[in-house]
N, C-alpha and C. Protein backbone atom coordinates (compact mmCIF):
# COMPACT_ATOMS: atom_id res chain seq x y z
N MET A 1 0.75 -1.50 0.01
CA MET A 1 0.08 -0.21 0.14
C MET A 1 0.91 0.95 0.28
N ASN A 2 0.59 2.26 -0.58
CA ASN A 2 1.55 3.81 -0.45
C ASN A 2 0.56 4.50 0.96
N LYS A 3 1.07 5.73 0.53
CA LYS A 3 0.42 6.34 2.04
C LYS A 3 -0.93 6.40 1.47
N ALA A 4 -1.00 6.62 0.52
CA ALA A 4 -2.40 7.62 0.61
C ALA A 4 -3.78 6.68 0.60
N GLU A 5 -3.51 5.10 0.42
CA GLU A 5 -3.82 3.90 0.38
C GLU A 5 -4.07 3.77 1.93
N VAL A 6 -2.63 3.49 2.76
CA VAL A 6 -2.95 3.72 4.18
C VAL A 6 -3.39 4.61 4.48
N GLN A 7 -3.81 6.24 4.67
CA GLN A 7 -4.25 6.87 4.93
C GLN A 7 -5.64 6.51 5.07
N GLY A 8 -6.69 6.20 3.83
CA GLY A 8 -7.80 5.85 3.30
C GLY A 8 -8.01 5.12 4.22
N GLN A 9 -7.20 3.93 4.50
CA GLN A 9 -7.82 2.54 5.57
C GLN A 9 -7.64 2.88 6.77
N ILE A 10 -6.48 3.37 7.49
CA ILE A 10 -6.52 4.39 8.57
C ILE A 10 -7.97 4.55 9.14
N GLN A 11 -8.54 5.57 7.89
CA GLN A 11 -9.73 6.52 8.63
C GLN A 11 -10.97 5.33 8.25
N GLN A 12 -11.33 4.29 7.44
CA GLN A 12 -11.91 3.66 7.07
C GLN A 12 -12.03 2.74 8.54
N ASP A 13 -11.29 2.03 8.99
CA ASP A 13 -11.44 1.69 10.31
C ASP A 13 -11.62 2.33 11.71
N LEU A 14 -10.97 3.39 11.75
CA LEU A 14 -11.17 4.06 12.41
C LEU A 14 -12.71 4.77 12.52
N LEU A 15 -13.77 4.99 11.53
CA LEU A 15 -15.19 5.24 10.92
C LEU A 15 -16.14 4.32 11.55
N THR A 16 -15.42 2.71 10.62
CA THR A 16 -16.53 1.33 11.61
C THR A 16 -15.92 1.54 12.99
N PHE A 17 -14.60 1.43 13.59
CA PHE A 17 -14.76 1.62 14.72
C PHE A 17 -15.34 2.44 15.79
N LEU A 18 -15.77 3.54 15.19
CA LEU A 18 -15.86 4.60 16.10
C LEU A 18 -17.50 4.65 15.38
N ASP A 19 -18.52 4.01 15.03
CA ASP A 19 -19.19 4.54 14.29
C ASP A 19 -20.90 4.30 15.53
N GLY A 20 -21.75 4.73 15.06
CA GLY A 20 -22.56 5.59 15.83
C GLY A 20 -22.33 6.96 17.38
N GLN A 21 -20.48 6.95 16.53
CA GLN A 21 -20.70 8.36 17.46
C GLN A 21 -20.82 9.36 16.22
N PRO A 22 -20.75 10.73 17.21
CA PRO A 22 -21.54 11.99 16.59
C PRO A 22 -20.67 12.54 15.39
N GLU A 23 -20.83 12.83 14.48
CA GLU A 23 -20.91 13.29 12.72
C GLU A 23 -19.38 14.38 13.35
N GLU A 24 -19.79 15.53 13.89
CA GLU A 24 -18.53 15.75 14.40
C GLU A 24 -16.98 15.19 14.91
N MET A 25 -17.49 14.24 15.78
CA MET A 25 -16.13 13.87 16.27
C MET A 25 -15.40 13.15 15.38
N LEU A 26 -16.67 12.13 14.49
CA LEU A 26 -16.12 11.67 13.05
C LEU A 26 -14.88 12.50 12.01
N THR A 27 -15.43 13.70 12.71
CA THR A 27 -14.97 14.25 11.22
C THR A 27 -13.54 14.78 11.34
N GLU A 28 -13.84 14.83 13.04
CA GLU A 28 -12.36 15.31 13.80
C GLU A 28 -11.16 14.81 13.96
N VAL A 29 -12.17 13.26 13.57
CA VAL A 29 -10.78 11.99 13.75
C VAL A 29 -9.87 11.97 12.48
N CYS A 30 -10.90 12.07 11.44
CA CYS A 30 -10.46 11.85 10.23
C CYS A 30 -9.73 12.87 9.60
N ASN A 31 -9.86 13.82 10.21
CA ASN A 31 -8.88 15.05 9.81
C ASN A 31 -7.32 14.83 10.14
N ILE A 32 -7.61 14.34 11.74
CA ILE A 32 -6.27 14.25 12.76
C ILE A 32 -5.59 13.30 11.82
N VAL A 33 -6.10 12.65 11.53
CA VAL A 33 -5.46 11.32 10.44
C VAL A 33 -4.40 11.86 9.40
N VAL A 34 -5.36 12.89 8.85
CA VAL A 34 -4.83 13.54 7.44
C VAL A 34 -3.65 14.44 7.61
N ARG A 35 -3.92 15.14 8.87
CA ARG A 35 -3.00 15.98 9.50
C ARG A 35 -1.63 15.50 9.45
N ASN A 36 -1.78 14.35 10.11
CA ASN A 36 -1.17 13.59 10.95
C ASN A 36 -0.03 13.18 9.32
N PHE A 37 -0.65 12.58 8.66
CA PHE A 37 -0.28 12.14 7.40
C PHE A 37 0.98 12.98 6.72
N LYS A 38 0.09 14.19 6.63
CA LYS A 38 0.80 15.94 6.09
C LYS A 38 2.21 15.78 6.67
N ASN A 39 2.26 15.31 7.62
CA ASN A 39 3.56 15.67 8.63
C ASN A 39 4.25 14.29 7.98
N LEU A 40 4.16 13.45 7.46
CA LEU A 40 5.19 12.49 7.17
C LEU A 40 5.78 12.67 5.73
N ASP A 41 7.05 12.39 5.45
CA ASP A 41 8.16 12.55 4.70
C ASP A 41 6.99 12.55 3.00
N ASN A 42 7.01 13.06 2.53
CA ASN A 42 6.33 13.15 0.58
C ASN A 42 7.06 12.71 -0.41
N THR A 43 8.36 11.96 -0.12
CA THR A 43 9.21 11.60 -0.75
C THR A 43 8.21 10.51 -1.68
N PRO A 44 8.24 10.69 -2.57
CA PRO A 44 7.33 9.53 -3.27
C PRO A 44 8.67 8.39 -4.03
N ASP A 45 7.68 6.92 -2.90
CA ASP A 45 7.99 5.76 -3.30
C ASP A 45 9.20 5.50 -4.83
N GLU A 46 8.78 6.74 -6.02
CA GLU A 46 9.48 5.62 -6.77
C GLU A 46 11.13 6.72 -6.99
N VAL A 47 11.22 8.32 -6.33
CA VAL A 47 12.15 8.52 -5.82
C VAL A 47 12.98 8.07 -5.27
N ILE A 48 12.67 7.14 -4.17
CA ILE A 48 13.72 6.34 -3.27
C ILE A 48 13.81 5.52 -3.69
N ALA A 49 13.34 4.50 -4.84
CA ALA A 49 13.57 3.41 -5.53
C ALA A 49 14.81 3.72 -5.99
N ALA A 50 14.56 5.00 -7.02
CA ALA A 50 15.91 5.21 -8.18
C ALA A 50 17.08 5.66 -6.74
N ALA A 51 17.24 6.47 -5.94
CA ALA A 51 18.53 7.02 -5.37
C ALA A 51 18.70 5.35 -4.81
N LYS A 52 18.02 4.07 -3.96
CA LYS A 52 17.91 3.22 -3.48
C LYS A 52 18.82 2.37 -4.79
N GLN A 53 18.54 2.62 -6.16
CA GLN A 53 18.63 1.97 -7.21
C GLN A 53 20.89 2.43 -7.39
N ASN A 54 20.45 3.73 -7.11
CA ASN A 54 21.99 4.40 -7.60
C ASN A 54 23.09 4.38 -6.49
N VAL A 55 22.85 3.63 -5.05
CA VAL A 55 23.38 3.61 -3.96
C VAL A 55 23.77 2.41 -4.13
N ILE A 56 22.82 1.32 -4.64
CA ILE A 56 23.25 -0.19 -4.68
C ILE A 56 24.38 -0.18 -5.95
N ARG A 57 24.20 -0.15 -7.42
CA ARG A 57 25.09 0.31 -8.34
C ARG A 57 26.50 0.77 -8.31
N ASP A 58 26.72 2.23 -7.30
CA ASP A 58 28.24 2.60 -6.59
C ASP A 58 28.63 1.70 -5.55
N ILE A 59 27.94 1.06 -4.67
CA ILE A 59 28.12 -0.60 -4.04
C ILE A 59 28.83 -1.43 -4.96
N GLN A 60 28.52 -2.02 -5.83
CA GLN A 60 28.43 -2.66 -6.82
C GLN A 60 29.68 -2.09 -7.90
N GLU A 61 30.09 -1.45 -8.23
CA GLU A 61 30.76 -0.79 -8.98
C GLU A 61 32.33 -0.30 -8.28
N ILE A 62 32.31 -0.31 -6.88
CA ILE A 62 33.30 -0.63 -5.76
C ILE A 62 34.11 -1.55 -5.58
N LEU A 63 32.97 -2.98 -5.12
CA LEU A 63 33.42 -3.65 -4.75
C LEU A 63 33.96 -4.77 -5.98
N GLU A 64 33.94 -4.20 -7.44
CA GLU A 64 33.69 -5.03 -8.68
C GLU A 64 35.30 -4.52 -9.25
N HIS A 65 35.51 -3.51 -8.80
CA HIS A 65 37.14 -2.68 -8.75
C HIS A 65 37.26 -3.41 -7.90
N MET A 66 37.39 -3.83 -6.87
CA MET A 66 38.22 -4.37 -5.66
C MET A 66 38.65 -5.92 -5.91
N GLU A 67 37.27 -6.17 -6.50
CA GLU A 67 37.24 -7.93 -6.93
C GLU A 67 38.75 -7.66 -8.28
N ASP A 68 38.63 -6.77 -9.06
CA ASP A 68 39.62 -6.94 -10.10
C ASP A 68 41.04 -6.41 -9.79
N GLN A 69 41.19 -5.77 -8.12
CA GLN A 69 42.62 -5.80 -7.76
C GLN A 69 43.05 -6.88 -7.04
N THR A 70 42.32 -7.15 -6.34
CA THR A 70 42.57 -8.02 -5.19
C THR A 70 42.35 -9.75 -5.24
N GLY A 71 41.19 -9.98 -6.68
CA GLY A 71 40.53 -11.42 -6.30
C GLY A 71 39.48 -11.52 -5.48
N GLU A 72 39.54 -10.79 -4.51
CA GLU A 72 38.36 -11.55 -3.82
C GLU A 72 36.57 -11.04 -4.12
N ASP A 73 35.96 -11.54 -3.76
CA ASP A 73 34.63 -11.43 -3.89
C ASP A 73 33.75 -10.79 -2.75
N CYS A 74 34.66 -10.20 -1.42
CA CYS A 74 33.49 -9.86 -0.82
C CYS A 74 34.50 -9.16 -0.05
N ILE A 75 34.43 -8.47 0.77
CA ILE A 75 35.13 -7.54 1.86
C ILE A 75 34.47 -7.57 3.24
N THR A 76 35.29 -7.40 4.28
CA THR A 76 34.29 -7.40 5.89
C THR A 76 34.44 -6.25 6.36
N THR A 77 33.58 -5.60 7.74
CA THR A 77 33.73 -4.52 8.28
C THR A 77 35.23 -4.53 8.96
N ALA A 78 35.58 -5.62 9.69
CA ALA A 78 36.80 -5.53 10.06
C ALA A 78 37.52 -5.13 9.14
N GLU A 79 37.71 -5.97 8.00
CA GLU A 79 38.90 -5.70 6.98
C GLU A 79 39.03 -4.42 6.63
N LEU A 80 37.71 -3.69 6.42
CA LEU A 80 37.04 -1.87 6.06
C LEU A 80 37.59 -1.27 7.74
N GLU A 81 38.24 -1.89 8.53
CA GLU A 81 38.59 -1.67 10.28
C GLU A 81 37.15 0.07 10.22
N ALA A 82 36.38 -0.94 10.09
CA ALA A 82 35.35 0.16 10.01
C ALA A 82 34.33 -0.28 11.74
N PRO A 83 34.68 1.34 12.46
CA PRO A 83 34.20 1.56 13.65
C PRO A 83 33.22 0.48 14.09
N SER A 84 32.35 0.47 13.59
CA SER A 84 30.91 -0.55 13.65
C SER A 84 30.31 -0.82 12.42
N SER A 85 29.21 -1.68 12.37
CA SER A 85 28.90 -2.44 11.09
C SER A 85 27.30 -1.26 10.93
N PRO A 86 26.80 -1.21 9.94
CA PRO A 86 25.87 -1.10 9.42
C PRO A 86 24.72 -1.84 10.49
N CYS A 87 23.64 -1.21 11.17
CA CYS A 87 22.80 -1.58 11.83
C CYS A 87 20.92 -1.84 11.20
N LEU A 88 20.88 -3.02 10.79
CA LEU A 88 19.45 -3.29 10.43
C LEU A 88 18.70 -2.93 11.06
N ALA A 89 18.90 -3.60 12.34
CA ALA A 89 17.41 -3.61 13.89
C ALA A 89 18.20 -3.74 14.92
N ALA A 90 17.98 -3.27 15.72
CA ALA A 90 18.23 -2.99 17.63
C ALA A 90 17.77 -3.00 18.13
N ASP A 91 17.52 -4.10 19.27
CA ASP A 91 15.95 -4.03 20.41
C ASP A 91 16.58 -4.67 21.91
N GLY A 92 16.92 -3.93 22.93
CA GLY A 92 17.59 -4.61 23.75
C GLY A 92 19.16 -4.87 23.50
N ASP A 93 19.20 -5.84 23.65
CA ASP A 93 20.32 -6.93 23.26
C ASP A 93 20.52 -7.95 22.05
N TYR A 94 19.45 -7.73 21.61
CA TYR A 94 19.42 -8.25 20.03
C TYR A 94 19.58 -7.10 19.22
N SER A 95 20.19 -7.48 18.02
CA SER A 95 20.91 -6.45 17.40
C SER A 95 21.13 -7.62 15.67
N ARG A 96 20.95 -6.92 14.31
CA ARG A 96 21.28 -7.39 13.54
C ARG A 96 22.06 -6.15 12.71
N LEU A 97 23.39 -6.87 12.20
CA LEU A 97 24.27 -5.99 11.45
C LEU A 97 25.12 -6.42 10.50
N ALA A 98 25.37 -5.72 9.23
CA ALA A 98 25.80 -6.27 7.99
C ALA A 98 27.13 -5.86 7.79
N GLU A 99 27.87 -7.43 8.38
CA GLU A 99 28.98 -7.41 8.15
C GLU A 99 29.92 -8.04 7.27
N THR A 100 29.08 -8.17 6.21
CA THR A 100 30.06 -8.58 5.04
C THR A 100 29.52 -8.73 3.95
N PHE A 101 30.61 -7.81 2.68
CA PHE A 101 29.68 -6.82 1.83
C PHE A 101 29.75 -7.60 0.40
N TYR A 102 29.42 -8.00 -0.40
CA TYR A 102 29.49 -8.76 -1.95
C TYR A 102 29.10 -7.79 -2.97
N LYS A 103 29.25 -7.73 -3.74
CA LYS A 103 28.20 -7.52 -5.08
C LYS A 103 26.56 -7.21 -5.22
N ASP A 104 26.43 -8.22 -4.49
CA ASP A 104 25.05 -8.19 -4.42
C ASP A 104 23.98 -8.83 -3.11
N GLY A 105 24.87 -8.38 -2.57
CA GLY A 105 24.34 -8.22 -1.21
C GLY A 105 25.27 -8.13 -0.16
N ALA A 106 24.49 -8.58 1.39
CA ALA A 106 25.61 -8.47 2.73
C ALA A 106 24.82 -9.31 3.22
N ASP A 107 26.54 -10.31 4.10
CA ASP A 107 25.88 -10.88 4.94
C ASP A 107 25.55 -10.38 6.28
N VAL A 108 24.36 -10.81 6.61
CA VAL A 108 23.81 -9.88 8.09
C VAL A 108 23.73 -11.05 9.29
N VAL A 109 24.43 -10.33 10.22
CA VAL A 109 24.83 -11.50 11.27
C VAL A 109 23.61 -10.76 12.73
N SER A 110 22.81 -12.10 12.95
CA SER A 110 21.65 -11.56 13.86
C SER A 110 22.55 -11.50 15.81
N TYR A 111 22.30 -10.98 16.53
CA TYR A 111 23.41 -11.22 17.71
C TYR A 111 22.57 -11.16 18.87
N ILE A 112 22.58 -11.32 20.31
CA ILE A 112 21.91 -11.28 21.75
C ILE A 112 23.44 -11.51 21.82
N GLY A 113 23.43 -10.05 23.04
CA GLY A 113 24.49 -9.35 23.04
C GLY A 113 25.70 -9.62 22.24
N SER A 114 26.49 -10.75 22.80
CA SER A 114 27.59 -10.59 21.43
C SER A 114 27.46 -11.90 20.91
N THR A 115 26.93 -12.22 21.50
CA THR A 115 26.49 -14.20 21.09
C THR A 115 25.91 -14.59 19.48
N GLU A 116 26.76 -14.45 18.59
CA GLU A 116 26.07 -14.62 17.24
C GLU A 116 24.79 -15.70 17.22
N THR A 117 24.03 -15.50 16.61
CA THR A 117 22.89 -16.42 16.65
C THR A 117 22.46 -17.03 15.58
N LYS A 118 22.68 -16.26 13.73
CA LYS A 118 22.27 -16.91 12.83
C LYS A 118 22.87 -15.66 12.34
N SER A 119 22.67 -16.15 10.51
CA SER A 119 23.67 -15.32 9.71
C SER A 119 22.79 -15.44 8.25
N GLU A 120 22.58 -14.92 8.00
CA GLU A 120 21.99 -14.54 6.58
C GLU A 120 22.19 -13.84 5.74
N PHE A 121 22.12 -13.70 3.65
CA PHE A 121 22.58 -13.34 2.77
C PHE A 121 21.42 -12.66 2.73
N ILE A 122 21.09 -11.35 2.14
CA ILE A 122 20.49 -10.73 2.08
C ILE A 122 20.91 -9.71 0.91
N LYS A 123 19.94 -9.30 -0.04
CA LYS A 123 20.45 -8.61 -1.48
C LYS A 123 20.00 -7.18 -0.92
N TYR A 124 20.85 -6.36 -1.75
CA TYR A 124 21.07 -5.08 -1.26
C TYR A 124 18.93 -4.51 -1.37
N GLU A 125 18.66 -5.05 -2.74
CA GLU A 125 17.39 -4.22 -3.03
C GLU A 125 16.01 -4.34 -1.91
N GLU A 126 16.64 -5.50 -0.11
CA GLU A 126 16.05 -5.33 0.67
C GLU A 126 16.35 -4.47 1.82
N LEU A 127 17.46 -4.36 1.59
CA LEU A 127 18.43 -3.34 2.41
C LEU A 127 17.56 -2.05 2.20
N ASP A 128 17.55 -1.27 3.78
CA ASP A 128 16.67 0.05 3.32
C ASP A 128 17.78 1.07 3.54
N TYR A 129 16.79 2.32 2.51
CA TYR A 129 18.33 3.27 2.28
C TYR A 129 19.23 3.65 2.66
N GLU A 130 19.09 3.63 3.91
CA GLU A 130 19.96 4.64 5.21
C GLU A 130 20.98 3.49 5.25
N VAL A 131 20.52 2.26 5.37
CA VAL A 131 21.68 1.56 5.40
C VAL A 131 22.38 0.55 4.27
N LEU A 132 22.24 0.91 3.24
CA LEU A 132 23.17 1.05 1.81
C LEU A 132 23.43 2.07 1.47
N VAL A 133 23.34 3.61 2.53
CA VAL A 133 24.85 4.67 1.90
C VAL A 133 25.51 4.44 2.93
N GLN A 134 25.13 3.67 4.66
CA GLN A 134 26.57 3.59 5.30
C GLN A 134 26.96 2.25 4.55
N ILE A 135 26.66 1.55 4.14
CA ILE A 135 27.46 0.93 3.37
C ILE A 135 28.13 0.67 2.47
N LYS A 136 27.64 1.74 1.60
CA LYS A 136 28.74 2.66 0.37
C LYS A 136 29.34 3.31 1.27
N GLU A 137 29.52 4.12 2.24
CA GLU A 137 30.61 5.12 2.68
C GLU A 137 31.73 4.00 2.99
N LEU A 138 31.33 2.45 3.53
CA LEU A 138 31.88 1.77 4.54
C LEU A 138 32.68 1.21 3.29
N VAL A 139 32.69 0.74 2.04
CA VAL A 139 33.04 0.22 1.24
C VAL A 139 33.67 1.03 0.58
N SER A 140 33.45 2.58 0.33
CA SER A 140 34.68 3.63 0.09
C SER A 140 35.41 3.28 0.81
N ASN A 141 35.95 3.69 1.11
CA ASN A 141 37.36 3.60 2.02
C ASN A 141 38.01 2.54 1.94
N TRP A 142 37.80 1.38 0.73
CA TRP A 142 38.75 0.35 0.56
C TRP A 142 39.84 1.14 0.10
N SER A 143 40.80 0.51 -0.13
CA SER A 143 42.22 1.08 -1.01
C SER A 143 43.15 -0.08 -1.48
């Protein structure tokens, strides 16, 4: 769903939930939803998708150049001497960190405290834009 569809769905759900309430109250609740949605980032989804593709392309070009120079098909945050790994999620002791970068995606490691609990490969297209930018900044430091 896009933002307009979500806004409409929330309004419909609230109207259903508040059925039987005074019309003034229903109108005000719908207006609150509209005002809050106007405060959201209005960047169209297509613009974000294009920006993501540009960052992914940059990451891939850097890693292709690295592979041509070194023969290695990946690089880790440790090899880059990064102060930290890009964080996909964190909640209390739980965290998911992108730690190894390949041309098409990253190995993401899940931790509880300092104990590794899971490792999985995630394609760059599935990562958030902010995480991709962090990865680009890290691999740009390769020399």
